[in-house]
Every structure is written in structure tokens, then in C-alpha cells.
């Protein structure tokens, strides 16, 4: 399409040139979103829409985390643009997933936490995942085992063990999110962890950690002493001065 037919072509070209030369750091958040929207909305000036999305969803991250139907309902957005925004987030998650698969887990690896944070970002329900590892502590699979409110019986120990056998796993890291954004472990989180640990220990499956993902941070049961064979019994159940 020529610039004569599209009065916004010059601005779009300059925006793309700034990105090509300086990357995302050369653009404001709304300009990154504006550039993205140009590929779904070919003719219209999308700067006002980009700014409105940033305002309504409280930042660039909030836009990508928003459900497709909520994005599509914004005036001027439409389904195609909403799908594109959601696709960007899913591509980020896929990139990070490929990055962690086969990687070695020592402690609480940053790449794994980064992937989990993107995968679980914006989820409105709790999701419980199992990260399975082989004898070399390499990640071989990440599976969702439960969705919904967690309690001591929410995840069947038998399921954890059966899936571990299927993948020939020798250890596992449990992960779940707190939609509230606060990753502090609850009493139910710890009771569930202990129940799963008992089942895993019975078949020689090592539980390496239980990671809880919040909005801007995470908590590690191993680091805090409520996961693992040497876990402090008081911390394991009661927490560390936390209100349940």
C-alpha cells in the first residue's frame, strides 16, 4: 500500500525504523503495542487504541494477559487484533518452554521460573503443574495436573506417580500459581505438598521443590524449608510466621 493511499504509512515506517535500530528499548510501551497493532489493523491510526489498551489493562503486560474476548470488546480492536496480542504471549511462552526443555535444574533455575511466570500469567484460576526431570536433573516434561482451588486432596498422588513413570522421571518439581498475585504459601499448599511427598518417597521419586508463582515474585518451598526430606516440621505445615 502506498503512502498516498494510507496517511499513516509514514508514521508506521518511522516506528518500524526506530525498532530496527534500537529494539524495544527505543520505544515506549504504547508504541510497542502500536507497532504490533499495525499488523492486524492495516490502515487506521492505532496510537489512540494502543494508549487506551495500556490504560484499561494497566500496562503492556496486562494487555497480553487479558482474555481474548475482553480485548476484542474494546472499541476499535476486533478479533484479529485480539488474537494477535494473545499469540505474542503464547509465542513467548513457547520460546521459554523450548529453552527449559532438556536444561539442567540446579536449585531454582531462572529460566524455569521465567517460563512458568509467562505460562501462568493472567490465569484467573489456580493451576497445579508438575515439572518432571530425569536422572541428570534435566527437564523432560511439564504437565498441568489440576485446575481450580487447591486443597490437601486436589491432586491425586497416584496421578503424580503414574505420570512420572510414563516419562521415566526420577524427580519432580511442583508448581502452582496464586491468581491473587501474592505467592505466600497457604496451609493447604503445604499439606498438599506433604501428601504428595509421602507418595513420591514410597516409589523413589524425589520432590525437589514446590514453586508458587505470584504476579511479580515467586516462593520456593525448598528455599524456605517446607519441602524436602530435611524440611523443618514447623515450617512444613505452619509456615514461618504467616497467617493461614
Protein backbone atom coordinates (compact mmCIF):
# COMPACT_ATOMS: atom_id res chain seq x y z
CA UNK A 1 0.00 0.00 0.00
CA UNK A 2 1.47 3.39 -0.99
CA UNK A 3 1.85 6.28 1.43
CA UNK A 4 -0.58 8.24 -0.76
CA UNK A 5 -3.34 5.80 0.00
CA UNK A 6 -2.51 5.41 3.67
CA UNK A 7 -1.94 8.69 5.54
CA UNK A 8 -0.46 6.75 8.47
CA UNK A 9 2.18 4.92 6.41
CA UNK A 10 4.93 7.46 7.10
CA UNK A 11 4.45 7.28 10.85
CA UNK A 12 4.37 3.49 10.77
CA UNK A 13 7.54 3.36 8.71
CA UNK A 14 9.35 5.62 11.19
CA UNK A 15 8.12 3.48 14.08
CA UNK A 16 9.49 0.35 12.43
CA UNK A 17 12.81 2.05 11.69
CA UNK A 18 13.19 3.04 15.33
CA UNK A 19 12.54 -0.55 16.34
CA UNK A 20 15.01 -1.91 13.77
CA UNK A 21 17.74 0.41 15.03
CA UNK A 22 17.13 0.36 18.77
CA UNK A 23 14.87 -2.58 19.56
CA UNK A 24 12.13 -2.36 22.15
CA UNK A 25 14.23 -0.04 24.30
CA UNK A 26 13.80 2.65 21.66
CA UNK A 27 10.03 2.62 22.06
CA UNK A 28 7.54 3.45 24.78
CA UNK A 29 5.24 0.63 25.87
CA UNK A 30 2.30 2.10 23.98
CA UNK A 31 4.48 2.39 20.86
CA UNK A 32 5.43 -1.30 21.08
CA UNK A 33 1.74 -2.14 21.22
CA UNK A 34 1.01 0.36 18.46
CA UNK A 35 3.62 -1.28 16.23
CA UNK A 36 2.12 -4.69 16.93
CA UNK A 37 -1.39 -3.49 16.12
CA UNK A 38 -0.32 -2.16 12.73
CA UNK A 39 -0.03 -5.75 11.52
CA UNK A 40 -3.65 -6.51 12.41
CA UNK A 41 -5.19 -3.10 11.64
CA UNK A 42 -3.61 -2.03 8.33
CA UNK A 43 -4.99 1.48 7.68
CA UNK A 44 -6.28 3.18 10.81
CA UNK A 45 -4.21 5.27 13.23
CA UNK A 46 -3.81 2.84 16.14
CA UNK A 47 -1.89 5.08 18.54
CA UNK A 48 -5.07 6.13 20.44
CA UNK A 49 -6.14 2.49 20.65
CA UNK A 50 -2.73 1.40 21.96
CA UNK A 51 -2.84 4.07 24.66
CA UNK A 52 -6.38 3.11 25.63
CA UNK A 53 -5.42 -0.56 25.95
CA UNK A 54 -2.43 0.29 28.14
CA UNK A 55 -4.68 2.44 30.34
CA UNK A 56 -7.56 -0.03 30.55
CA UNK A 57 -5.47 -3.12 31.27
CA UNK A 58 -2.92 -1.31 33.45
CA UNK A 59 0.17 -1.78 31.31
CA UNK A 60 1.59 -3.75 28.40
CA UNK A 61 1.71 -6.93 30.44
CA UNK A 62 -1.94 -6.57 31.35
CA UNK A 63 -2.86 -6.31 27.67
CA UNK A 64 -1.12 -9.58 26.82
CA UNK A 65 -2.60 -11.29 29.89
CA UNK A 66 -6.15 -10.19 29.09
CA UNK A 67 -8.64 -12.76 27.74
CA UNK A 68 -9.29 -12.59 24.01
CA UNK A 69 -12.96 -11.72 24.44
CA UNK A 70 -12.14 -8.75 26.69
CA UNK A 71 -9.57 -7.45 24.21
CA UNK A 72 -11.89 -7.91 21.25
CA UNK A 73 -14.64 -5.99 23.06
CA UNK A 74 -12.54 -2.81 23.21
CA UNK A 75 -13.80 -0.31 20.64
CA UNK A 76 -11.61 -0.40 17.54
CA UNK A 77 -9.86 -3.65 18.47
CA UNK A 78 -11.72 -6.57 16.90
CA UNK A 79 -10.99 -10.29 16.95
CA UNK A 80 -7.95 -10.29 14.65
CA UNK A 81 -6.03 -7.76 16.72
CA UNK A 82 -7.04 -9.54 19.94
CA UNK A 83 -5.81 -12.85 18.55
CA UNK A 84 -2.50 -11.28 17.53
CA UNK A 85 -1.91 -9.87 21.03
CA UNK A 86 -2.66 -13.26 22.58
CA UNK A 87 -0.46 -15.00 20.03
CA UNK A 88 2.51 -12.86 21.07
CA UNK A 89 2.21 -14.03 24.67
CA UNK A 90 1.82 -17.67 23.62
CA UNK A 91 4.91 -17.35 21.40
CA UNK A 92 6.87 -16.01 24.38
CA UNK A 93 5.75 -19.00 26.46
CA UNK A 94 6.69 -21.43 23.68
CA UNK A 95 10.13 -19.84 23.31
CA UNK A 96 10.80 -20.15 27.04
CA UNK A 97 9.41 -23.71 27.09
CA UNK A 98 11.84 -24.76 24.36
CA UNK A 99 14.59 -23.06 26.31
CA UNK A 100 13.95 -25.02 29.53
CA UNK A 101 13.28 -28.42 27.97
CA UNK A 102 16.40 -30.52 28.38
CA UNK A 103 18.05 -27.92 30.60
CA UNK A 104 19.61 -28.95 33.90
CA UNK A 105 17.85 -27.86 37.08
CA UNK A 106 20.15 -26.84 39.90
CA UNK A 107 18.47 -25.00 42.76
CA UNK A 108 15.65 -22.86 41.37
CA UNK A 109 16.77 -22.03 37.80
CA UNK A 110 15.84 -18.60 36.44
CA UNK A 111 14.85 -19.93 33.01
CA UNK A 112 12.28 -22.27 34.57
CA UNK A 113 10.79 -19.54 36.74
CA UNK A 114 10.67 -17.18 33.73
CA UNK A 115 8.80 -19.78 31.70
CA UNK A 116 6.36 -20.58 34.49
CA UNK A 117 5.71 -16.89 35.14
CA UNK A 118 4.75 -16.31 31.50
CA UNK A 119 2.75 -19.52 31.22
CA UNK A 120 0.71 -18.79 34.34
CA UNK A 121 0.45 -15.02 33.95
CA UNK A 122 -3.10 -13.74 33.88
CA UNK A 123 -4.65 -17.06 34.90
CA UNK A 124 -7.80 -16.48 36.92
CA UNK A 125 -7.85 -19.99 38.37
CA UNK A 126 -5.18 -21.84 40.27
CA UNK A 127 -3.25 -24.32 38.16
CA UNK A 128 -1.05 -27.07 39.56
CA UNK A 129 1.82 -28.24 37.37
CA UNK A 130 4.43 -30.97 37.65
CA UNK A 131 7.89 -30.48 36.14
CA UNK A 132 9.43 -33.91 35.61
CA UNK A 133 13.19 -34.48 35.46
CA UNK A 134 15.44 -37.41 34.54
CA UNK A 135 18.45 -38.87 36.35
CA UNK A 136 20.63 -35.99 35.08
CA UNK A 137 18.20 -33.42 36.53
CA UNK A 138 17.22 -32.42 33.00
CA UNK A 139 13.64 -31.24 32.45
CA UNK A 140 11.77 -33.77 30.31
CA UNK A 141 8.13 -32.68 30.66
CA UNK A 142 5.85 -30.04 32.16
CA UNK A 143 2.24 -31.05 32.75
CA UNK A 144 -0.86 -29.45 34.24
CA UNK A 145 -2.36 -31.86 36.79
CA UNK A 146 -5.16 -29.75 38.27
CA UNK A 147 -7.08 -26.54 37.69
CA UNK A 148 -9.17 -24.93 40.40
CA UNK A 149 -8.96 -24.30 44.13
CA UNK A 150 -6.17 -26.28 45.79
CA UNK A 151 -6.63 -28.26 48.98
CA UNK A 152 -4.96 -31.28 50.52
CA UNK A 153 -6.76 -33.69 48.16
CA UNK A 154 -6.90 -31.59 44.99
CA UNK A 155 -4.11 -33.51 43.24
CA UNK A 156 -4.11 -37.29 43.40
CA UNK A 157 -0.70 -38.67 44.48
CA UNK A 158 -1.31 -41.65 42.22
CA UNK A 159 -1.57 -39.35 39.21
CA UNK A 160 1.77 -37.72 40.02
CA UNK A 161 3.46 -41.12 40.33
CA UNK A 162 1.84 -42.59 37.21
CA UNK A 163 2.87 -39.61 35.09
CA UNK A 164 6.40 -39.84 36.47
CA UNK A 165 6.60 -43.50 35.45
CA UNK A 166 5.26 -42.65 31.99
CA UNK A 167 8.04 -40.11 31.46
CA UNK A 168 10.67 -42.26 33.15
CA UNK A 169 11.24 -39.38 35.57
CA UNK A 170 13.38 -39.62 38.67
CA UNK A 171 12.40 -36.34 40.30
CA UNK A 172 9.69 -33.69 40.17
CA UNK A 173 9.17 -30.01 40.92
CA UNK A 174 5.64 -28.95 41.81
CA UNK A 175 4.40 -25.56 40.66
CA UNK A 176 1.21 -23.61 41.07
CA UNK A 177 0.04 -20.03 40.78
CA UNK A 178 -1.82 -17.71 43.11
CA UNK A 179 -4.21 -15.59 40.99
CA UNK A 180 -4.33 -13.05 43.83
CA UNK A 181 -0.73 -12.18 42.95
CA UNK A 182 0.60 -12.98 46.44
CA UNK A 183 2.82 -16.11 46.29
CA UNK A 184 2.87 -16.71 50.06
CA UNK A 185 2.18 -20.43 50.72
CA UNK A 186 -1.05 -21.33 52.49
CA UNK A 187 -1.58 -24.15 54.94
CA UNK A 188 -3.36 -26.13 52.21
CA UNK A 189 -0.38 -25.64 49.89
CA UNK A 190 1.90 -27.22 52.47
CA UNK A 191 -0.46 -30.03 53.39
CA UNK A 192 -0.86 -30.95 49.73
CA UNK A 193 2.89 -30.86 49.24
CA UNK A 194 3.48 -33.18 52.17
CA UNK A 195 0.85 -35.61 50.92
CA UNK A 196 2.50 -35.74 47.51
CA UNK A 197 5.96 -36.06 49.04
CA UNK A 198 4.91 -39.13 51.00
CA UNK A 199 3.59 -40.82 47.87
CA UNK A 200 6.69 -39.90 45.87
CA UNK A 201 9.09 -41.13 48.54
CA UNK A 202 7.35 -44.52 48.50
CA UNK A 203 8.37 -45.14 44.89
CA UNK A 204 11.76 -43.41 44.93
CA UNK A 205 10.61 -40.22 43.20
CA UNK A 206 12.44 -37.20 44.61
CA UNK A 207 10.48 -33.99 45.19
CA UNK A 208 12.97 -31.19 44.52
CA UNK A 209 10.80 -28.15 45.20
CA UNK A 210 7.36 -26.59 45.19
CA UNK A 211 7.38 -23.20 43.48
CA UNK A 212 4.49 -20.78 43.91
CA UNK A 213 4.14 -18.11 41.22
CA UNK A 214 2.70 -14.69 42.08
CA UNK A 215 2.30 -11.61 39.95
CA UNK A 216 5.77 -10.14 40.41
CA UNK A 217 7.57 -12.74 42.52
CA UNK A 218 7.70 -16.39 43.47
CA UNK A 219 8.29 -18.53 46.55
CA UNK A 220 10.34 -21.72 46.80
CA UNK A 221 9.38 -24.35 49.36
CA UNK A 222 12.86 -25.81 49.29
CA UNK A 223 14.48 -22.44 49.99
CA UNK A 224 12.01 -21.71 52.79
CA UNK A 225 12.36 -25.10 54.44
CA UNK A 226 8.93 -26.67 53.89
CA UNK A 227 9.89 -29.02 51.05
CA UNK A 228 12.38 -31.87 51.14
CA UNK A 229 13.48 -34.59 53.49
CA UNK A 230 15.22 -32.12 55.77
CA UNK A 231 12.27 -29.76 55.88
CA UNK A 232 11.55 -28.21 59.24
CA UNK A 233 8.30 -29.81 60.50
CA UNK A 234 7.09 -26.47 61.86
CA UNK A 235 7.76 -24.65 58.61
CA UNK A 236 6.41 -27.54 56.60
CA UNK A 237 2.90 -27.08 57.96
CA UNK A 238 2.57 -23.91 59.99
CA UNK A 239 4.69 -21.61 57.83
CA UNK A 240 7.15 -19.01 59.01
CA UNK A 241 5.05 -16.60 61.00
CA UNK A 242 2.45 -16.48 58.22
CA UNK A 243 -1.22 -16.18 58.84
CA UNK A 244 -3.11 -19.08 57.30
